[in-house]
Amino acid sequence: METLINEQIAQQVKEVFKELEHPVEIILFTLQGHQSSEYIQQLLDEICALSDLLHLDIHDFDGDRELAAKYHLDKAPGFVLAGRDGTDILDFGIRFAGLPAQFEFSSLIYGIMTVSKRDSMLKPETRKSLAEIKNLIHLMVFVTPT
């Protein structure tokens, strides 16, 4: 099978991953028989092979709806980027739906780094403004290559 990440990109990502600090759990929910699920699993396998701090946990979306619901994942194929502290999973609310290719690939790498560092890297004034929000906000970011 041909790799999705070429050697040059893999080396660049490996270099970035030298800055990983804490383990990252990638919780993937696939759909049986869907080619996009196979591509996402292959991509995440290739990414996880680039660092010992990354682990891929694979579930069938239809067969494990309760776990998907626990992570508020309502689209498949899709996955959660979470931290791992021993046996505890630390959910930071980062979700991906579909294949993170092209422009989304850098968002995936950035998300992995953010979870591993356990820091959003937001400026102090932004953190202060966010802390003042009293209502629950459901924020979704959509990336569409054009």
N, C-alpha and C. Protein backbone atom coordinates (compact mmCIF):
# COMPACT_ATOMS: atom_id res chain seq x y z
N MET A 1 0.85 -1.19 0.00
CA MET A 1 0.00 0.00 0.00
C MET A 1 0.89 1.24 0.00
N GLU A 2 0.51 2.20 -0.79
CA GLU A 2 1.25 3.45 -0.88
C GLU A 2 0.96 4.31 0.35
N THR A 3 2.00 5.00 0.83
CA THR A 3 1.81 5.86 1.99
C THR A 3 1.11 7.15 1.59
N LEU A 4 0.41 7.74 2.53
CA LEU A 4 -0.28 9.01 2.29
C LEU A 4 0.64 10.19 2.59
N ILE A 5 1.59 9.98 3.49
CA ILE A 5 2.54 11.03 3.85
C ILE A 5 3.88 10.68 3.21
N ASN A 6 4.36 11.57 2.32
CA ASN A 6 5.64 11.27 1.68
C ASN A 6 6.79 11.45 2.68
N GLU A 7 7.94 10.94 2.33
CA GLU A 7 9.10 10.92 3.24
C GLU A 7 9.51 12.31 3.69
N GLN A 8 9.47 13.28 2.79
CA GLN A 8 9.87 14.64 3.13
C GLN A 8 8.94 15.23 4.19
N ILE A 9 7.63 15.08 4.00
CA ILE A 9 6.66 15.59 4.97
C ILE A 9 6.79 14.83 6.29
N ALA A 10 6.97 13.51 6.22
CA ALA A 10 7.13 12.70 7.44
C ALA A 10 8.33 13.20 8.25
N GLN A 11 9.42 13.52 7.59
CA GLN A 11 10.60 14.02 8.32
C GLN A 11 10.33 15.38 8.95
N GLN A 12 9.59 16.24 8.25
CA GLN A 12 9.24 17.55 8.81
C GLN A 12 8.35 17.39 10.03
N VAL A 13 7.36 16.51 9.94
CA VAL A 13 6.45 16.28 11.06
C VAL A 13 7.21 15.66 12.23
N LYS A 14 8.09 14.72 11.94
CA LYS A 14 8.90 14.09 12.98
C LYS A 14 9.72 15.14 13.73
N GLU A 15 10.25 16.09 13.00
CA GLU A 15 11.03 17.18 13.62
C GLU A 15 10.14 18.02 14.54
N VAL A 16 8.94 18.34 14.09
CA VAL A 16 7.99 19.10 14.91
C VAL A 16 7.61 18.29 16.15
N PHE A 17 7.42 17.00 15.98
CA PHE A 17 7.00 16.14 17.08
C PHE A 17 8.08 15.96 18.15
N LYS A 18 9.29 16.40 17.91
CA LYS A 18 10.33 16.38 18.95
C LYS A 18 9.92 17.27 20.12
N GLU A 19 9.00 18.21 19.86
CA GLU A 19 8.53 19.13 20.90
C GLU A 19 7.31 18.61 21.65
N LEU A 20 6.81 17.43 21.32
CA LEU A 20 5.70 16.85 22.06
C LEU A 20 6.12 16.66 23.51
N GLU A 21 5.22 16.94 24.44
CA GLU A 21 5.54 16.84 25.86
C GLU A 21 4.81 15.72 26.58
N HIS A 22 3.53 15.55 26.27
CA HIS A 22 2.70 14.56 26.95
C HIS A 22 2.02 13.67 25.92
N PRO A 23 1.63 12.45 26.31
CA PRO A 23 0.98 11.53 25.38
C PRO A 23 -0.34 12.09 24.83
N VAL A 24 -0.60 11.75 23.58
CA VAL A 24 -1.83 12.14 22.90
C VAL A 24 -2.55 10.87 22.45
N GLU A 25 -3.82 10.80 22.77
CA GLU A 25 -4.69 9.69 22.37
C GLU A 25 -5.57 10.18 21.23
N ILE A 26 -5.49 9.51 20.10
CA ILE A 26 -6.36 9.83 18.97
C ILE A 26 -7.43 8.75 18.93
N ILE A 27 -8.67 9.16 19.15
CA ILE A 27 -9.78 8.21 19.24
C ILE A 27 -10.59 8.32 17.95
N LEU A 28 -10.43 7.33 17.10
CA LEU A 28 -11.02 7.33 15.76
C LEU A 28 -12.29 6.51 15.73
N PHE A 29 -13.32 7.07 15.10
CA PHE A 29 -14.58 6.36 14.88
C PHE A 29 -14.76 6.20 13.37
N THR A 30 -14.76 4.96 12.92
CA THR A 30 -14.84 4.66 11.50
C THR A 30 -16.23 4.15 11.13
N LEU A 31 -16.47 4.11 9.83
CA LEU A 31 -17.68 3.50 9.28
C LEU A 31 -17.23 2.32 8.44
N GLN A 32 -17.73 1.15 8.75
CA GLN A 32 -17.33 -0.05 8.02
C GLN A 32 -17.69 0.07 6.55
N GLY A 33 -16.73 -0.30 5.71
CA GLY A 33 -16.96 -0.31 4.28
C GLY A 33 -16.82 1.04 3.59
N HIS A 34 -16.49 2.09 4.33
CA HIS A 34 -16.34 3.41 3.73
C HIS A 34 -14.86 3.67 3.45
N GLN A 35 -14.55 3.98 2.21
CA GLN A 35 -13.17 4.20 1.81
C GLN A 35 -12.54 5.36 2.59
N SER A 36 -13.32 6.40 2.89
CA SER A 36 -12.76 7.53 3.63
C SER A 36 -12.31 7.11 5.02
N SER A 37 -12.99 6.15 5.64
CA SER A 37 -12.55 5.64 6.94
C SER A 37 -11.19 4.97 6.82
N GLU A 38 -11.00 4.22 5.74
CA GLU A 38 -9.72 3.54 5.52
C GLU A 38 -8.59 4.55 5.35
N TYR A 39 -8.85 5.62 4.59
CA TYR A 39 -7.83 6.65 4.38
C TYR A 39 -7.49 7.35 5.69
N ILE A 40 -8.51 7.70 6.46
CA ILE A 40 -8.25 8.38 7.73
C ILE A 40 -7.45 7.48 8.67
N GLN A 41 -7.83 6.21 8.76
CA GLN A 41 -7.10 5.29 9.62
C GLN A 41 -5.65 5.16 9.16
N GLN A 42 -5.43 5.05 7.86
CA GLN A 42 -4.07 4.95 7.34
C GLN A 42 -3.27 6.21 7.66
N LEU A 43 -3.88 7.38 7.45
CA LEU A 43 -3.19 8.64 7.74
C LEU A 43 -2.82 8.72 9.21
N LEU A 44 -3.76 8.41 10.09
CA LEU A 44 -3.49 8.49 11.53
C LEU A 44 -2.47 7.44 11.97
N ASP A 45 -2.50 6.26 11.36
CA ASP A 45 -1.46 5.25 11.63
C ASP A 45 -0.08 5.79 11.26
N GLU A 46 0.01 6.42 10.11
CA GLU A 46 1.29 6.96 9.66
C GLU A 46 1.77 8.07 10.58
N ILE A 47 0.85 8.92 11.03
CA ILE A 47 1.22 10.00 11.94
C ILE A 47 1.67 9.44 13.29
N CYS A 48 0.93 8.47 13.81
CA CYS A 48 1.28 7.89 15.11
C CYS A 48 2.62 7.17 15.07
N ALA A 49 3.01 6.68 13.91
CA ALA A 49 4.30 6.00 13.77
C ALA A 49 5.47 6.98 13.90
N LEU A 50 5.19 8.27 13.87
CA LEU A 50 6.25 9.27 13.91
C LEU A 50 6.65 9.67 15.33
N SER A 51 5.91 9.20 16.34
CA SER A 51 6.25 9.52 17.73
C SER A 51 5.69 8.46 18.68
N ASP A 52 6.48 8.11 19.67
CA ASP A 52 6.04 7.17 20.70
C ASP A 52 4.99 7.78 21.63
N LEU A 53 4.80 9.10 21.57
CA LEU A 53 3.82 9.76 22.43
C LEU A 53 2.42 9.79 21.83
N LEU A 54 2.27 9.22 20.64
CA LEU A 54 0.96 9.21 19.98
C LEU A 54 0.40 7.80 19.95
N HIS A 55 -0.89 7.68 20.24
CA HIS A 55 -1.55 6.37 20.23
C HIS A 55 -2.90 6.50 19.54
N LEU A 56 -3.21 5.54 18.68
CA LEU A 56 -4.47 5.52 17.95
C LEU A 56 -5.38 4.45 18.52
N ASP A 57 -6.59 4.84 18.90
CA ASP A 57 -7.61 3.94 19.44
C ASP A 57 -8.77 3.95 18.46
N ILE A 58 -9.08 2.80 17.84
CA ILE A 58 -10.05 2.73 16.76
C ILE A 58 -11.35 2.07 17.20
N HIS A 59 -12.46 2.70 16.83
CA HIS A 59 -13.79 2.18 17.17
C HIS A 59 -14.69 2.26 15.94
N ASP A 60 -15.66 1.38 15.88
CA ASP A 60 -16.68 1.43 14.85
C ASP A 60 -17.78 2.37 15.33
N PHE A 61 -18.08 3.38 14.53
CA PHE A 61 -19.07 4.39 14.92
C PHE A 61 -20.43 3.78 15.21
N ASP A 62 -20.89 2.90 14.32
CA ASP A 62 -22.20 2.29 14.50
C ASP A 62 -22.22 1.31 15.67
N GLY A 63 -21.13 0.61 15.89
CA GLY A 63 -21.07 -0.38 16.95
C GLY A 63 -20.74 0.18 18.31
N ASP A 64 -20.24 1.42 18.36
CA ASP A 64 -19.82 2.01 19.62
C ASP A 64 -20.39 3.42 19.77
N ARG A 65 -21.69 3.54 19.50
CA ARG A 65 -22.35 4.85 19.55
C ARG A 65 -22.31 5.49 20.94
N GLU A 66 -22.33 4.66 21.97
CA GLU A 66 -22.30 5.19 23.33
C GLU A 66 -21.00 5.93 23.61
N LEU A 67 -19.88 5.34 23.17
CA LEU A 67 -18.59 6.00 23.36
C LEU A 67 -18.50 7.25 22.48
N ALA A 68 -18.99 7.18 21.25
CA ALA A 68 -19.00 8.35 20.37
C ALA A 68 -19.81 9.47 21.02
N ALA A 69 -20.94 9.14 21.59
CA ALA A 69 -21.78 10.14 22.26
C ALA A 69 -21.07 10.73 23.47
N LYS A 70 -20.33 9.90 24.19
CA LYS A 70 -19.58 10.39 25.35
C LYS A 70 -18.61 11.50 24.94
N TYR A 71 -18.03 11.36 23.74
CA TYR A 71 -17.10 12.36 23.23
C TYR A 71 -17.78 13.40 22.34
N HIS A 72 -19.12 13.39 22.33
CA HIS A 72 -19.89 14.37 21.55
C HIS A 72 -19.48 14.34 20.08
N LEU A 73 -19.20 13.15 19.59
CA LEU A 73 -18.84 12.98 18.20
C LEU A 73 -20.07 12.49 17.45
N ASP A 74 -20.58 13.33 16.57
CA ASP A 74 -21.82 12.98 15.88
C ASP A 74 -21.62 12.75 14.38
N LYS A 75 -20.36 12.78 13.93
CA LYS A 75 -20.06 12.55 12.52
C LYS A 75 -19.00 11.47 12.40
N ALA A 76 -19.16 10.65 11.37
CA ALA A 76 -18.16 9.61 11.13
C ALA A 76 -17.95 9.50 9.63
N PRO A 77 -16.75 9.21 9.22
CA PRO A 77 -15.61 9.00 10.10
C PRO A 77 -15.17 10.32 10.73
N GLY A 78 -14.71 10.20 11.95
CA GLY A 78 -14.23 11.34 12.69
C GLY A 78 -13.40 10.89 13.87
N PHE A 79 -12.71 11.84 14.48
CA PHE A 79 -11.85 11.47 15.60
C PHE A 79 -11.70 12.60 16.60
N VAL A 80 -11.25 12.19 17.78
CA VAL A 80 -11.03 13.07 18.91
C VAL A 80 -9.53 13.13 19.17
N LEU A 81 -9.02 14.33 19.42
CA LEU A 81 -7.65 14.47 19.91
C LEU A 81 -7.75 14.70 21.41
N ALA A 82 -7.19 13.79 22.17
CA ALA A 82 -7.28 13.87 23.63
C ALA A 82 -5.91 13.64 24.24
N GLY A 83 -5.76 14.09 25.47
CA GLY A 83 -4.53 13.82 26.20
C GLY A 83 -4.67 12.50 26.93
N ARG A 84 -3.54 11.96 27.30
CA ARG A 84 -3.53 10.74 28.09
C ARG A 84 -2.64 10.99 29.30
N ASP A 85 -3.19 10.69 30.48
CA ASP A 85 -2.44 10.80 31.73
C ASP A 85 -2.61 9.47 32.44
N GLY A 86 -1.66 8.56 32.23
CA GLY A 86 -1.80 7.20 32.75
C GLY A 86 -2.94 6.52 32.04
N THR A 87 -3.97 6.14 32.79
CA THR A 87 -5.15 5.52 32.16
C THR A 87 -6.27 6.53 31.92
N ASP A 88 -6.08 7.77 32.37
CA ASP A 88 -7.09 8.81 32.21
C ASP A 88 -7.00 9.46 30.83
N ILE A 89 -8.15 9.69 30.23
CA ILE A 89 -8.24 10.42 28.96
C ILE A 89 -8.66 11.85 29.29
N LEU A 90 -7.91 12.82 28.79
CA LEU A 90 -8.18 14.23 29.03
C LEU A 90 -8.78 14.82 27.76
N ASP A 91 -10.05 15.14 27.82
CA ASP A 91 -10.77 15.62 26.64
C ASP A 91 -10.69 17.14 26.59
N PHE A 92 -10.06 17.66 25.54
CA PHE A 92 -9.93 19.10 25.35
C PHE A 92 -10.95 19.65 24.35
N GLY A 93 -11.85 18.78 23.88
CA GLY A 93 -12.91 19.22 22.98
C GLY A 93 -12.50 19.36 21.52
N ILE A 94 -11.38 18.78 21.13
CA ILE A 94 -10.92 18.90 19.74
C ILE A 94 -11.42 17.71 18.94
N ARG A 95 -12.17 18.00 17.88
CA ARG A 95 -12.78 16.98 17.04
C ARG A 95 -12.45 17.25 15.58
N PHE A 96 -12.30 16.20 14.81
CA PHE A 96 -12.14 16.31 13.36
C PHE A 96 -13.18 15.41 12.72
N ALA A 97 -13.80 15.90 11.67
CA ALA A 97 -14.75 15.10 10.89
C ALA A 97 -14.18 14.98 9.48
N GLY A 98 -14.08 13.76 9.00
CA GLY A 98 -13.55 13.55 7.66
C GLY A 98 -12.04 13.51 7.64
N LEU A 99 -11.51 13.41 6.44
CA LEU A 99 -10.06 13.29 6.22
C LEU A 99 -9.38 14.65 6.32
N PRO A 100 -8.44 14.81 7.25
CA PRO A 100 -7.73 16.09 7.38
C PRO A 100 -6.59 16.18 6.37
N ALA A 101 -6.94 16.45 5.13
CA ALA A 101 -5.95 16.53 4.06
C ALA A 101 -5.74 17.99 3.66
N GLN A 102 -4.74 18.22 2.87
CA GLN A 102 -4.38 19.54 2.35
C GLN A 102 -4.24 20.53 3.50
N PHE A 103 -5.04 21.61 3.51
CA PHE A 103 -4.91 22.64 4.53
C PHE A 103 -5.24 22.11 5.92
N GLU A 104 -6.11 21.13 5.99
CA GLU A 104 -6.51 20.58 7.28
C GLU A 104 -5.38 19.77 7.93
N PHE A 105 -4.44 19.30 7.15
CA PHE A 105 -3.34 18.50 7.70
C PHE A 105 -2.54 19.32 8.71
N SER A 106 -2.24 20.57 8.38
CA SER A 106 -1.49 21.41 9.33
C SER A 106 -2.32 21.68 10.58
N SER A 107 -3.65 21.79 10.44
CA SER A 107 -4.51 21.95 11.62
C SER A 107 -4.44 20.72 12.51
N LEU A 108 -4.36 19.55 11.90
CA LEU A 108 -4.22 18.30 12.67
C LEU A 108 -2.92 18.30 13.46
N ILE A 109 -1.82 18.63 12.80
CA ILE A 109 -0.52 18.64 13.47
C ILE A 109 -0.52 19.67 14.60
N TYR A 110 -1.08 20.84 14.34
CA TYR A 110 -1.18 21.88 15.37
C TYR A 110 -2.04 21.40 16.53
N GLY A 111 -3.14 20.73 16.25
CA GLY A 111 -4.01 20.19 17.30
C GLY A 111 -3.29 19.17 18.17
N ILE A 112 -2.52 18.30 17.53
CA ILE A 112 -1.74 17.30 18.28
C ILE A 112 -0.74 18.01 19.19
N MET A 113 -0.07 19.02 18.67
CA MET A 113 0.91 19.76 19.48
C MET A 113 0.22 20.46 20.66
N THR A 114 -0.92 21.06 20.40
CA THR A 114 -1.66 21.77 21.45
C THR A 114 -2.05 20.82 22.57
N VAL A 115 -2.58 19.65 22.22
CA VAL A 115 -3.00 18.67 23.22
C VAL A 115 -1.77 18.16 23.99
N SER A 116 -0.70 17.89 23.30
CA SER A 116 0.49 17.36 23.95
C SER A 116 1.11 18.36 24.92
N LYS A 117 1.07 19.63 24.56
CA LYS A 117 1.64 20.66 25.44
C LYS A 117 0.66 21.08 26.53
N ARG A 118 -0.61 20.65 26.39
CA ARG A 118 -1.66 20.98 27.36
C ARG A 118 -1.81 22.49 27.50
N ASP A 119 -1.63 23.20 26.36
CA ASP A 119 -1.69 24.65 26.36
C ASP A 119 -2.22 25.12 25.01
N SER A 120 -3.23 25.97 25.03
CA SER A 120 -3.81 26.49 23.80
C SER A 120 -2.93 27.55 23.15
N MET A 121 -1.95 28.04 23.88
CA MET A 121 -1.04 29.08 23.41
C MET A 121 -1.76 30.40 23.11
N LEU A 122 -2.93 30.60 23.74
CA LEU A 122 -3.64 31.86 23.60
C LEU A 122 -2.96 32.93 24.44
N LYS A 123 -3.07 34.16 23.99
CA LYS A 123 -2.49 35.29 24.71
C LYS A 123 -3.24 35.48 26.03
N PRO A 124 -2.57 36.01 27.06
CA PRO A 124 -3.23 36.22 28.36
C PRO A 124 -4.51 37.05 28.27
N GLU A 125 -4.54 38.07 27.43
CA GLU A 125 -5.74 38.90 27.32
C GLU A 125 -6.90 38.12 26.68
N THR A 126 -6.57 37.20 25.78
CA THR A 126 -7.61 36.36 25.18
C THR A 126 -8.15 35.39 26.23
N ARG A 127 -7.26 34.80 27.03
CA ARG A 127 -7.69 33.89 28.10
C ARG A 127 -8.61 34.62 29.08
N LYS A 128 -8.25 35.86 29.40
CA LYS A 128 -9.05 36.64 30.34
C LYS A 128 -10.45 36.90 29.77
N SER A 129 -10.51 37.28 28.50
CA SER A 129 -11.80 37.53 27.85
C SER A 129 -12.65 36.27 27.82
N LEU A 130 -12.05 35.15 27.50
CA LEU A 130 -12.78 33.89 27.45
C LEU A 130 -13.28 33.47 28.83
N ALA A 131 -12.50 33.75 29.87
CA ALA A 131 -12.89 33.39 31.24
C ALA A 131 -14.13 34.16 31.68
N GLU A 132 -14.38 35.31 31.06
CA GLU A 132 -15.53 36.14 31.42
C GLU A 132 -16.82 35.68 30.77
N ILE A 133 -16.75 34.76 29.83
CA ILE A 133 -17.96 34.26 29.17
C ILE A 133 -18.72 33.36 30.14
N LYS A 134 -19.99 33.67 30.34
CA LYS A 134 -20.79 32.94 31.32
C LYS A 134 -21.67 31.86 30.69
N ASN A 135 -21.99 32.00 29.42
CA ASN A 135 -22.87 31.05 28.75
C ASN A 135 -22.06 29.98 28.03
N LEU A 136 -22.63 28.80 27.92
CA LEU A 136 -22.01 27.72 27.19
C LEU A 136 -21.99 28.06 25.70
N ILE A 137 -20.84 27.89 25.07
CA ILE A 137 -20.70 28.19 23.65
C ILE A 137 -20.23 26.92 22.93
N HIS A 138 -20.89 26.60 21.84
CA HIS A 138 -20.50 25.47 21.01
C HIS A 138 -19.85 26.05 19.76
N LEU A 139 -18.54 25.98 19.67
CA LEU A 139 -17.79 26.57 18.57
C LEU A 139 -17.36 25.49 17.59
N MET A 140 -17.68 25.69 16.34
CA MET A 140 -17.27 24.75 15.29
C MET A 140 -16.50 25.54 14.24
N VAL A 141 -15.37 24.99 13.82
CA VAL A 141 -14.55 25.62 12.79
C VAL A 141 -14.55 24.69 11.59
N PHE A 142 -14.89 25.23 10.44
CA PHE A 142 -14.92 24.43 9.22
C PHE A 142 -13.79 24.90 8.31
N VAL A 143 -13.03 23.96 7.77
CA VAL A 143 -11.96 24.27 6.84
C VAL A 143 -12.32 23.62 5.52
N THR A 144 -12.35 24.42 4.47
CA THR A 144 -12.65 23.90 3.15
C THR A 144 -11.59 24.38 2.18
N PRO A 145 -10.80 23.47 1.64
CA PRO A 145 -9.80 23.90 0.64
C PRO A 145 -10.50 24.41 -0.61
N THR A 146 -9.99 25.52 -1.15
CA THR A 146 -10.57 26.07 -2.38
C THR A 146 -9.51 26.29 -3.42
